Amino acid sequence: MPREELVQAAEELKHASADVSGDVKDRLESQAESLRNLAEADHGPDHGRLDRIMHSLSELESDVDDETAKRIESAYDHVKAHRETVSGV
């Protein structure tokens, strides 16, 4: 069963990548693919992996326009919501 919050985050990044080009587009597409893979994996990501993704998304927000930044922020919020369900730390 897919982890819905991660699926939603991947979708937001997919849409965000349509509005940019170059390195930022590549990074957004890479993060979207990673999130899709994590959503379908047998074992979900741990806190460390989710933290790295959230950090990367925060960095990407400063490199885009306001509309794209809103999509990235939404993806961040979905990852954060999923992270809150992960046991541990």
PDB file of N, CA and C in Angstrom:
ATOM      1  N   MET A   1       0.845  -1.186   0.000  1.00  0.00           N
ATOM      2  CA  MET A   1       0.000   0.000   0.000  1.00  0.00           C
ATOM      3  C   MET A   1       0.884   1.241   0.000  1.00  0.00           C
ATOM      4  N   PRO A   2       0.644   2.153  -0.914  1.00  0.00           N
ATOM      5  CA  PRO A   2       1.488   3.344  -0.978  1.00  0.00           C
ATOM      6  C   PRO A   2       1.272   4.260   0.225  1.00  0.00           C
ATOM      7  N   ARG A   3       2.286   4.963   0.540  1.00  0.00           N
ATOM      8  CA  ARG A   3       2.221   5.965   1.605  1.00  0.00           C
ATOM      9  C   ARG A   3       1.692   7.248   0.959  1.00  0.00           C
ATOM     10  N   GLU A   4       0.409   7.539   1.208  1.00  0.00           N
ATOM     11  CA  GLU A   4      -0.307   8.605   0.496  1.00  0.00           C
ATOM     12  C   GLU A   4       0.353   9.984   0.593  1.00  0.00           C
ATOM     13  N   GLU A   5       0.855  10.331   1.763  1.00  0.00           N
ATOM     14  CA  GLU A   5       1.482  11.651   1.900  1.00  0.00           C
ATOM     15  C   GLU A   5       2.692  11.779   0.981  1.00  0.00           C
ATOM     16  N   LEU A   6       3.456  10.702   0.832  1.00  0.00           N
ATOM     17  CA  LEU A   6       4.627  10.735  -0.049  1.00  0.00           C
ATOM     18  C   LEU A   6       4.206  10.769  -1.513  1.00  0.00           C
ATOM     19  N   VAL A   7       3.122  10.090  -1.838  1.00  0.00           N
ATOM     20  CA  VAL A   7       2.584  10.145  -3.201  1.00  0.00           C
ATOM     21  C   VAL A   7       2.156  11.570  -3.529  1.00  0.00           C
ATOM     22  N   GLN A   8       1.463  12.211  -2.603  1.00  0.00           N
ATOM     23  CA  GLN A   8       1.020  13.591  -2.816  1.00  0.00           C
ATOM     24  C   GLN A   8       2.212  14.543  -2.963  1.00  0.00           C
ATOM     25  N   ALA A   9       3.231  14.331  -2.151  1.00  0.00           N
ATOM     26  CA  ALA A   9       4.434  15.166  -2.244  1.00  0.00           C
ATOM     27  C   ALA A   9       5.083  15.002  -3.618  1.00  0.00           C
ATOM     28  N   ALA A  10       5.163  13.774  -4.095  1.00  0.00           N
ATOM     29  CA  ALA A  10       5.747  13.522  -5.415  1.00  0.00           C
ATOM     30  C   ALA A  10       4.944  14.223  -6.510  1.00  0.00           C
ATOM     31  N   GLU A  11       3.637  14.181  -6.399  1.00  0.00           N
ATOM     32  CA  GLU A  11       2.779  14.845  -7.395  1.00  0.00           C
ATOM     33  C   GLU A  11       3.010  16.362  -7.395  1.00  0.00           C
ATOM     34  N   GLU A  12       3.103  16.939  -6.216  1.00  0.00           N
ATOM     35  CA  GLU A  12       3.353  18.385  -6.130  1.00  0.00           C
ATOM     36  C   GLU A  12       4.681  18.736  -6.806  1.00  0.00           C
ATOM     37  N   LEU A  13       5.699  17.935  -6.569  1.00  0.00           N
ATOM     38  CA  LEU A  13       7.004  18.214  -7.170  1.00  0.00           C
ATOM     39  C   LEU A  13       6.977  18.001  -8.679  1.00  0.00           C
ATOM     40  N   LYS A  14       6.216  17.028  -9.130  1.00  0.00           N
ATOM     41  CA  LYS A  14       6.065  16.803 -10.566  1.00  0.00           C
ATOM     42  C   LYS A  14       5.462  18.034 -11.227  1.00  0.00           C
ATOM     43  N   HIS A  15       4.419  18.581 -10.613  1.00  0.00           N
ATOM     44  CA  HIS A  15       3.792  19.796 -11.149  1.00  0.00           C
ATOM     45  C   HIS A  15       4.741  20.992 -11.059  1.00  0.00           C
ATOM     46  N   ALA A  16       5.469  21.083  -9.970  1.00  0.00           N
ATOM     47  CA  ALA A  16       6.418  22.190  -9.798  1.00  0.00           C
ATOM     48  C   ALA A  16       7.512  22.139 -10.857  1.00  0.00           C
ATOM     49  N   SER A  17       7.961  20.946 -11.208  1.00  0.00           N
ATOM     50  CA  SER A  17       9.050  20.822 -12.182  1.00  0.00           C
ATOM     51  C   SER A  17       8.633  21.267 -13.579  1.00  0.00           C
ATOM     52  N   ALA A  18       7.341  21.275 -13.848  1.00  0.00           N
ATOM     53  CA  ALA A  18       6.856  21.700 -15.167  1.00  0.00           C
ATOM     54  C   ALA A  18       7.058  23.191 -15.396  1.00  0.00           C
ATOM     55  N   ASP A  19       7.213  23.939 -14.309  1.00  0.00           N
ATOM     56  CA  ASP A  19       7.309  25.399 -14.408  1.00  0.00           C
ATOM     57  C   ASP A  19       8.731  25.933 -14.367  1.00  0.00           C
ATOM     58  N   VAL A  20       9.726  25.045 -14.308  1.00  0.00           N
ATOM     59  CA  VAL A  20      11.116  25.479 -14.206  1.00  0.00           C
ATOM     60  C   VAL A  20      11.971  24.723 -15.228  1.00  0.00           C
ATOM     61  N   SER A  21      13.245  25.086 -15.290  1.00  0.00           N
ATOM     62  CA  SER A  21      14.146  24.411 -16.221  1.00  0.00           C
ATOM     63  C   SER A  21      15.523  24.240 -15.577  1.00  0.00           C
ATOM     64  N   GLY A  22      16.376  23.566 -16.283  1.00  0.00           N
ATOM     65  CA  GLY A  22      17.758  23.409 -15.851  1.00  0.00           C
ATOM     66  C   GLY A  22      17.932  22.536 -14.630  1.00  0.00           C
ATOM     67  N   ASP A  23      18.911  22.918 -13.816  1.00  0.00           N
ATOM     68  CA  ASP A  23      19.270  22.141 -12.631  1.00  0.00           C
ATOM     69  C   ASP A  23      18.110  22.023 -11.644  1.00  0.00           C
ATOM     70  N   VAL A  24      17.344  23.090 -11.478  1.00  0.00           N
ATOM     71  CA  VAL A  24      16.218  23.060 -10.544  1.00  0.00           C
ATOM     72  C   VAL A  24      15.191  22.029 -11.003  1.00  0.00           C
ATOM     73  N   LYS A  25      14.911  21.997 -12.298  1.00  0.00           N
ATOM     74  CA  LYS A  25      13.971  21.013 -12.843  1.00  0.00           C
ATOM     75  C   LYS A  25      14.478  19.600 -12.566  1.00  0.00           C
ATOM     76  N   ASP A  26      15.760  19.372 -12.830  1.00  0.00           N
ATOM     77  CA  ASP A  26      16.345  18.045 -12.597  1.00  0.00           C
ATOM     78  C   ASP A  26      16.246  17.644 -11.136  1.00  0.00           C
ATOM     79  N   ARG A  27      16.522  18.569 -10.245  1.00  0.00           N
ATOM     80  CA  ARG A  27      16.470  18.277  -8.805  1.00  0.00           C
ATOM     81  C   ARG A  27      15.041  17.988  -8.347  1.00  0.00           C
ATOM     82  N   LEU A  28      14.086  18.756  -8.848  1.00  0.00           N
ATOM     83  CA  LEU A  28      12.684  18.511  -8.489  1.00  0.00           C
ATOM     84  C   LEU A  28      12.217  17.151  -9.009  1.00  0.00           C
ATOM     85  N   GLU A  29      12.558  16.834 -10.232  1.00  0.00           N
ATOM     86  CA  GLU A  29      12.168  15.542 -10.804  1.00  0.00           C
ATOM     87  C   GLU A  29      12.822  14.395 -10.044  1.00  0.00           C
ATOM     88  N   SER A  30      14.069  14.580  -9.648  1.00  0.00           N
ATOM     89  CA  SER A  30      14.774  13.549  -8.878  1.00  0.00           C
ATOM     90  C   SER A  30      14.110  13.321  -7.521  1.00  0.00           C
ATOM     91  N   GLN A  31      13.753  14.403  -6.852  1.00  0.00           N
ATOM     92  CA  GLN A  31      13.078  14.286  -5.557  1.00  0.00           C
ATOM     93  C   GLN A  31      11.708  13.629  -5.725  1.00  0.00           C
ATOM     94  N   ALA A  32      10.993  13.983  -6.779  1.00  0.00           N
ATOM     95  CA  ALA A  32       9.672  13.385  -7.028  1.00  0.00           C
ATOM     96  C   ALA A  32       9.816  11.882  -7.244  1.00  0.00           C
ATOM     97  N   GLU A  33      10.797  11.484  -8.026  1.00  0.00           N
ATOM     98  CA  GLU A  33      11.002  10.047  -8.267  1.00  0.00           C
ATOM     99  C   GLU A  33      11.387   9.331  -6.977  1.00  0.00           C
ATOM    100  N   SER A  34      12.256   9.941  -6.181  1.00  0.00           N
ATOM    101  CA  SER A  34      12.640   9.337  -4.900  1.00  0.00           C
ATOM    102  C   SER A  34      11.424   9.143  -4.000  1.00  0.00           C
ATOM    103  N   LEU A  35      10.573  10.149  -3.942  1.00  0.00           N
ATOM    104  CA  LEU A  35       9.380  10.054  -3.100  1.00  0.00           C
ATOM    105  C   LEU A  35       8.420   8.985  -3.602  1.00  0.00           C
ATOM    106  N   ARG A  36       8.263   8.885  -4.921  1.00  0.00           N
ATOM    107  CA  ARG A  36       7.407   7.833  -5.472  1.00  0.00           C
ATOM    108  C   ARG A  36       7.950   6.451  -5.105  1.00  0.00           C
ATOM    109  N   ASN A  37       9.259   6.287  -5.222  1.00  0.00           N
ATOM    110  CA  ASN A  37       9.878   5.006  -4.876  1.00  0.00           C
ATOM    111  C   ASN A  37       9.717   4.697  -3.396  1.00  0.00           C
ATOM    112  N   LEU A  38       9.902   5.685  -2.553  1.00  0.00           N
ATOM    113  CA  LEU A  38       9.743   5.482  -1.112  1.00  0.00           C
ATOM    114  C   LEU A  38       8.298   5.164  -0.749  1.00  0.00           C
ATOM    115  N   ALA A  39       7.366   5.751  -1.487  1.00  0.00           N
ATOM    116  CA  ALA A  39       5.949   5.510  -1.220  1.00  0.00           C
ATOM    117  C   ALA A  39       5.570   4.062  -1.502  1.00  0.00           C
ATOM    118  N   GLU A  40       6.249   3.424  -2.437  1.00  0.00           N
ATOM    119  CA  GLU A  40       5.918   2.055  -2.842  1.00  0.00           C
ATOM    120  C   GLU A  40       6.833   0.999  -2.228  1.00  0.00           C
ATOM    121  N   ALA A  41       7.889   1.416  -1.552  1.00  0.00           N
ATOM    122  CA  ALA A  41       8.863   0.468  -1.008  1.00  0.00           C
ATOM    123  C   ALA A  41       8.257  -0.412   0.080  1.00  0.00           C
ATOM    124  N   ASP A  42       8.836  -1.593   0.251  1.00  0.00           N
ATOM    125  CA  ASP A  42       8.369  -2.510   1.298  1.00  0.00           C
ATOM    126  C   ASP A  42       8.489  -1.889   2.681  1.00  0.00           C
ATOM    127  N   HIS A  43       9.594  -1.205   2.906  1.00  0.00           N
ATOM    128  CA  HIS A  43       9.823  -0.535   4.182  1.00  0.00           C
ATOM    129  C   HIS A  43       9.885   0.967   3.929  1.00  0.00           C
ATOM    130  N   GLY A  44       9.188   1.718   4.749  1.00  0.00           N
ATOM    131  CA  GLY A  44       9.160   3.154   4.581  1.00  0.00           C
ATOM    132  C   GLY A  44      10.471   3.807   4.973  1.00  0.00           C
ATOM    133  N   PRO A  45      10.644   5.046   4.579  1.00  0.00           N
ATOM    134  CA  PRO A  45      11.868   5.770   4.900  1.00  0.00           C
ATOM    135  C   PRO A  45      11.943   6.081   6.392  1.00  0.00           C
ATOM    136  N   ASP A  46      13.172   6.197   6.881  1.00  0.00           N
ATOM    137  CA  ASP A  46      13.356   6.550   8.286  1.00  0.00           C
ATOM    138  C   ASP A  46      13.413   8.074   8.443  1.00  0.00           C
ATOM    139  N   HIS A  47      13.525   8.515   9.678  1.00  0.00           N
ATOM    140  CA  HIS A  47      13.541   9.958   9.955  1.00  0.00           C
ATOM    141  C   HIS A  47      14.683  10.670   9.236  1.00  0.00           C
ATOM    142  N   GLY A  48      15.845  10.034   9.203  1.00  0.00           N
ATOM    143  CA  GLY A  48      17.003  10.661   8.565  1.00  0.00           C
ATOM    144  C   GLY A  48      16.771  10.919   7.091  1.00  0.00           C
ATOM    145  N   ARG A  49      16.237   9.939   6.392  1.00  0.00           N
ATOM    146  CA  ARG A  49      15.964  10.089   4.959  1.00  0.00           C
ATOM    147  C   ARG A  49      14.928  11.173   4.722  1.00  0.00           C
ATOM    148  N   LEU A  50      13.892  11.175   5.520  1.00  0.00           N
ATOM    149  CA  LEU A  50      12.853  12.197   5.373  1.00  0.00           C
ATOM    150  C   LEU A  50      13.404  13.589   5.687  1.00  0.00           C
ATOM    151  N   ASP A  51      14.278  13.685   6.671  1.00  0.00           N
ATOM    152  CA  ASP A  51      14.884  14.962   7.015  1.00  0.00           C
ATOM    153  C   ASP A  51      15.727  15.487   5.856  1.00  0.00           C
ATOM    154  N   ARG A  52      16.486  14.608   5.217  1.00  0.00           N
ATOM    155  CA  ARG A  52      17.305  15.036   4.069  1.00  0.00           C
ATOM    156  C   ARG A  52      16.428  15.539   2.928  1.00  0.00           C
ATOM    157  N   ILE A  53      15.327  14.861   2.695  1.00  0.00           N
ATOM    158  CA  ILE A  53      14.403  15.302   1.646  1.00  0.00           C
ATOM    159  C   ILE A  53      13.830  16.669   1.995  1.00  0.00           C
ATOM    160  N   MET A  54      13.398  16.829   3.240  1.00  0.00           N
ATOM    161  CA  MET A  54      12.819  18.111   3.662  1.00  0.00           C
ATOM    162  C   MET A  54      13.847  19.239   3.545  1.00  0.00           C
ATOM    163  N   HIS A  55      15.072  18.960   3.901  1.00  0.00           N
ATOM    164  CA  HIS A  55      16.134  19.967   3.799  1.00  0.00           C
ATOM    165  C   HIS A  55      16.350  20.361   2.328  1.00  0.00           C
ATOM    166  N   SER A  56      16.396  19.370   1.458  1.00  0.00           N
ATOM    167  CA  SER A  56      16.573  19.635   0.033  1.00  0.00           C
ATOM    168  C   SER A  56      15.427  20.478  -0.519  1.00  0.00           C
ATOM    169  N   LEU A  57      14.202  20.172  -0.102  1.00  0.00           N
ATOM    170  CA  LEU A  57      13.048  20.949  -0.561  1.00  0.00           C
ATOM    171  C   LEU A  57      13.131  22.390  -0.080  1.00  0.00           C
ATOM    172  N   SER A  58      13.586  22.583   1.149  1.00  0.00           N
ATOM    173  CA  SER A  58      13.738  23.948   1.678  1.00  0.00           C
ATOM    174  C   SER A  58      14.744  24.744   0.848  1.00  0.00           C
ATOM    175  N   GLU A  59      15.830  24.084   0.460  1.00  0.00           N
ATOM    176  CA  GLU A  59      16.829  24.760  -0.372  1.00  0.00           C
ATOM    177  C   GLU A  59      16.267  25.104  -1.749  1.00  0.00           C
ATOM    178  N   LEU A  60      15.494  24.205  -2.317  1.00  0.00           N
ATOM    179  CA  LEU A  60      14.931  24.437  -3.644  1.00  0.00           C
ATOM    180  C   LEU A  60      13.948  25.597  -3.666  1.00  0.00           C
ATOM    181  N   GLU A  61      13.241  25.810  -2.580  1.00  0.00           N
ATOM    182  CA  GLU A  61      12.245  26.892  -2.530  1.00  0.00           C
ATOM    183  C   GLU A  61      12.846  28.253  -2.840  1.00  0.00           C
ATOM    184  N   SER A  62      14.090  28.462  -2.438  1.00  0.00           N
ATOM    185  CA  SER A  62      14.712  29.772  -2.644  1.00  0.00           C
ATOM    186  C   SER A  62      15.160  29.987  -4.091  1.00  0.00           C
ATOM    187  N   ASP A  63      15.124  28.941  -4.913  1.00  0.00           N
ATOM    188  CA  ASP A  63      15.598  29.030  -6.288  1.00  0.00           C
ATOM    189  C   ASP A  63      14.493  29.165  -7.325  1.00  0.00           C
ATOM    190  N   VAL A  64      13.247  29.353  -6.875  1.00  0.00           N
ATOM    191  CA  VAL A  64      12.121  29.359  -7.814  1.00  0.00           C
ATOM    192  C   VAL A  64      11.198  30.550  -7.560  1.00  0.00           C
ATOM    193  N   ASP A  65      10.239  30.730  -8.474  1.00  0.00           N
ATOM    194  CA  ASP A  65       9.264  31.804  -8.305  1.00  0.00           C
ATOM    195  C   ASP A  65       8.249  31.434  -7.223  1.00  0.00           C
ATOM    196  N   ASP A  66       7.394  32.378  -6.882  1.00  0.00           N
ATOM    197  CA  ASP A  66       6.454  32.190  -5.774  1.00  0.00           C
ATOM    198  C   ASP A  66       5.486  31.026  -5.995  1.00  0.00           C
ATOM    199  N   GLU A  67       4.972  30.880  -7.200  1.00  0.00           N
ATOM    200  CA  GLU A  67       4.004  29.816  -7.480  1.00  0.00           C
ATOM    201  C   GLU A  67       4.649  28.430  -7.330  1.00  0.00           C
ATOM    202  N   THR A  68       5.832  28.292  -7.868  1.00  0.00           N
ATOM    203  CA  THR A  68       6.550  27.019  -7.752  1.00  0.00           C
ATOM    204  C   THR A  68       6.938  26.768  -6.296  1.00  0.00           C
ATOM    205  N   ALA A  69       7.320  27.817  -5.592  1.00  0.00           N
ATOM    206  CA  ALA A  69       7.677  27.690  -4.176  1.00  0.00           C
ATOM    207  C   ALA A  69       6.489  27.181  -3.362  1.00  0.00           C
ATOM    208  N   LYS A  70       5.283  27.601  -3.722  1.00  0.00           N
ATOM    209  CA  LYS A  70       4.088  27.124  -3.017  1.00  0.00           C
ATOM    210  C   LYS A  70       3.901  25.622  -3.212  1.00  0.00           C
ATOM    211  N   ARG A  71       4.168  25.134  -4.407  1.00  0.00           N
ATOM    212  CA  ARG A  71       4.061  23.692  -4.669  1.00  0.00           C
ATOM    213  C   ARG A  71       5.125  22.928  -3.875  1.00  0.00           C
ATOM    214  N   ILE A  72       6.326  23.465  -3.834  1.00  0.00           N
ATOM    215  CA  ILE A  72       7.394  22.817  -3.073  1.00  0.00           C
ATOM    216  C   ILE A  72       7.050  22.823  -1.587  1.00  0.00           C
ATOM    217  N   GLU A  73       6.508  23.923  -1.103  1.00  0.00           N
ATOM    218  CA  GLU A  73       6.095  24.002   0.300  1.00  0.00           C
ATOM    219  C   GLU A  73       5.001  22.973   0.598  1.00  0.00           C
ATOM    220  N   SER A  74       4.086  22.801  -0.336  1.00  0.00           N
ATOM    221  CA  SER A  74       3.043  21.800  -0.154  1.00  0.00           C
ATOM    222  C   SER A  74       3.650  20.397  -0.089  1.00  0.00           C
ATOM    223  N   ALA A  75       4.612  20.114  -0.961  1.00  0.00           N
ATOM    224  CA  ALA A  75       5.300  18.819  -0.932  1.00  0.00           C
ATOM    225  C   ALA A  75       6.005  18.630   0.408  1.00  0.00           C
ATOM    226  N   TYR A  76       6.662  19.682   0.874  1.00  0.00           N
ATOM    227  CA  TYR A  76       7.343  19.653   2.175  1.00  0.00           C
ATOM    228  C   TYR A  76       6.344  19.290   3.281  1.00  0.00           C
ATOM    229  N   ASP A  77       5.187  19.919   3.249  1.00  0.00           N
ATOM    230  CA  ASP A  77       4.160  19.669   4.266  1.00  0.00           C
ATOM    231  C   ASP A  77       3.677  18.216   4.233  1.00  0.00           C
ATOM    232  N   HIS A  78       3.565  17.642   3.044  1.00  0.00           N
ATOM    233  CA  HIS A  78       3.159  16.239   2.922  1.00  0.00           C
ATOM    234  C   HIS A  78       4.236  15.310   3.501  1.00  0.00           C
ATOM    235  N   VAL A  79       5.490  15.617   3.199  1.00  0.00           N
ATOM    236  CA  VAL A  79       6.587  14.802   3.748  1.00  0.00           C
ATOM    237  C   VAL A  79       6.599  14.921   5.274  1.00  0.00           C
ATOM    238  N   LYS A  80       6.415  16.135   5.755  1.00  0.00           N
ATOM    239  CA  LYS A  80       6.392  16.359   7.209  1.00  0.00           C
ATOM    240  C   LYS A  80       5.246  15.582   7.855  1.00  0.00           C
ATOM    241  N   ALA A  81       4.078  15.601   7.223  1.00  0.00           N
ATOM    242  CA  ALA A  81       2.921  14.868   7.758  1.00  0.00           C
ATOM    243  C   ALA A  81       3.216  13.367   7.819  1.00  0.00           C
ATOM    244  N   HIS A  82       3.864  12.854   6.788  1.00  0.00           N
ATOM    245  CA  HIS A  82       4.219  11.432   6.809  1.00  0.00           C
ATOM    246  C   HIS A  82       5.252  11.167   7.899  1.00  0.00           C
ATOM    247  N   ARG A  83       6.212  12.046   8.020  1.00  0.00           N
ATOM    248  CA  ARG A  83       7.279  11.861   9.015  1.00  0.00           C
ATOM    249  C   ARG A  83       6.701  11.773  10.429  1.00  0.00           C
ATOM    250  N   GLU A  84       5.637  12.491  10.684  1.00  0.00           N
ATOM    251  CA  GLU A  84       5.002  12.466  12.002  1.00  0.00           C
ATOM    252  C   GLU A  84       4.410  11.096  12.324  1.00  0.00           C
ATOM    253  N   THR A  85       4.188  10.271  11.303  1.00  0.00           N
ATOM    254  CA  THR A  85       3.636   8.929  11.537  1.00  0.00           C
ATOM    255  C   THR A  85       4.731   7.872  11.697  1.00  0.00           C
ATOM    256  N   VAL A  86       5.983   8.257  11.466  1.00  0.00           N
ATOM    257  CA  VAL A  86       7.092   7.312  11.539  1.00  0.00           C
ATOM    258  C   VAL A  86       7.522   7.165  12.993  1.00  0.00           C
ATOM    259  N   SER A  87       7.614   5.937  13.445  1.00  0.00           N
ATOM    260  CA  SER A  87       8.032   5.717  14.831  1.00  0.00           C
ATOM    261  C   SER A  87       9.529   6.000  14.977  1.00  0.00           C
ATOM    262  N   GLY A  88       9.923   6.269  16.172  1.00  0.00           N
ATOM    263  CA  GLY A  88      11.320   6.585  16.444  1.00  0.00           C
ATOM    264  C   GLY A  88      11.448   7.985  16.969  1.00  0.00           C
ATOM    265  N   VAL A  89      12.548   8.591  16.659  1.00  0.00           N
ATOM    266  CA  VAL A  89      12.930   9.910  17.145  1.00  0.00           C
ATOM    267  C   VAL A  89      11.770  10.818  17.413  1.00  0.00           C
TER     268      VAL A  89
END
